[in-house]
Amino acid sequence: MPDELLKKAKIASLYTGRLHKILMLVFKSLFFSTYPGYLKELFVFHNSSYSSRGKNILILPIPRTTSYGLESIRYQAAKI
């Protein structure tokens, strides 16, 4: 029922909205030179000697804690 109401109102779900915000943050921080440096330092690209379709692959960091590490933007962005 809530999904039907969201579709009627043309509003994204909270989960979809969060994913969109994370993806926009990652894209802007990696490809716009005017974005703050501390955001660029959160994400690290994977350097590979193989030629593959995806050139911009983020390294999945190892979380130190399961309660906060798995929910961090750095981990979620690399996981997506």
Protein backbone atom coordinates (compact mmCIF):
# COMPACT_ATOMS: atom_id res chain seq x y z
CA MET A 1 0.00 0.00 0.00
CA PRO A 2 2.72 2.58 0.80
CA ASP A 3 4.44 1.83 -2.51
CA GLU A 4 1.23 2.60 -4.38
CA LEU A 5 0.89 5.93 -2.60
CA LEU A 6 4.49 6.85 -3.40
CA LYS A 7 3.94 6.02 -7.06
CA LYS A 8 0.76 8.11 -7.13
CA ALA A 9 2.53 11.08 -5.59
CA LYS A 10 5.57 10.49 -7.86
CA ILE A 11 7.91 10.41 -4.86
CA ALA A 12 10.85 8.04 -4.54
CA SER A 13 11.10 5.75 -1.53
CA LEU A 14 13.53 6.60 1.25
CA TYR A 15 15.89 3.83 0.14
CA THR A 16 15.94 5.05 -3.46
CA GLY A 17 16.42 8.64 -2.32
CA ARG A 18 19.41 7.66 -0.17
CA LEU A 19 20.99 5.72 -3.04
CA HIS A 20 20.53 8.70 -5.34
CA LYS A 21 22.19 11.05 -2.84
CA ILE A 22 25.15 8.70 -2.33
CA LEU A 23 25.67 8.27 -6.08
CA MET A 24 25.48 12.02 -6.70
CA LEU A 25 28.00 12.67 -3.92
CA VAL A 26 30.43 10.10 -5.33
CA PHE A 27 30.11 11.35 -8.89
CA LYS A 28 30.54 15.01 -7.98
CA SER A 29 33.43 14.41 -5.60
CA LEU A 30 35.36 12.30 -8.12
CA PHE A 31 34.76 14.20 -11.34
CA PHE A 32 34.30 17.85 -10.35
CA SER A 33 37.48 19.73 -9.48
CA THR A 34 35.59 22.32 -7.42
CA TYR A 35 34.39 19.78 -4.83
CA PRO A 36 36.15 19.77 -1.42
CA GLY A 37 39.30 17.70 -1.12
CA TYR A 38 38.21 15.77 1.96
CA LEU A 39 35.35 14.24 -0.03
CA LYS A 40 37.70 13.20 -2.81
CA GLU A 41 39.94 11.47 -0.28
CA LEU A 42 37.06 9.24 0.90
CA PHE A 43 37.01 7.27 -2.34
CA VAL A 44 39.93 5.37 -3.88
CA PHE A 45 40.00 3.94 -7.40
CA HIS A 46 41.11 0.38 -8.11
CA ASN A 47 44.12 0.32 -10.44
CA SER A 48 44.18 -2.74 -12.65
CA SER A 49 46.55 -3.79 -15.40
CA TYR A 50 43.72 -5.59 -17.21
CA SER A 51 41.63 -3.82 -19.79
CA SER A 52 38.01 -3.91 -18.74
CA ARG A 53 34.89 -1.93 -19.47
CA GLY A 54 34.79 -0.23 -16.09
CA LYS A 55 37.68 2.14 -15.58
CA ASN A 56 36.26 3.85 -12.50
CA ILE A 57 36.00 1.04 -9.96
CA LEU A 58 36.16 1.96 -6.29
CA ILE A 59 38.04 -0.11 -3.73
CA LEU A 60 35.77 -1.66 -1.10
CA PRO A 61 37.26 -0.66 2.26
CA ILE A 62 37.45 -3.10 5.14
CA PRO A 63 35.18 -1.77 7.90
CA ARG A 64 36.64 -1.55 11.39
CA THR A 65 33.28 -1.93 13.11
CA THR A 66 30.15 -3.61 11.88
CA SER A 67 27.79 -1.13 13.52
CA TYR A 68 29.19 2.00 11.88
CA GLY A 69 31.64 0.78 9.24
CA LEU A 70 29.09 -1.06 7.13
CA GLU A 71 26.79 1.97 7.09
CA SER A 72 29.45 4.54 6.16
CA ILE A 73 29.24 6.44 2.89
CA ARG A 74 32.68 5.21 1.90
CA TYR A 75 31.62 1.55 2.20
CA GLN A 76 28.13 1.98 0.71
CA ALA A 77 29.43 3.94 -2.29
CA ALA A 78 32.00 1.27 -3.18
CA LYS A 79 29.43 -1.47 -2.66
CA ILE A 80 26.95 0.12 -5.09
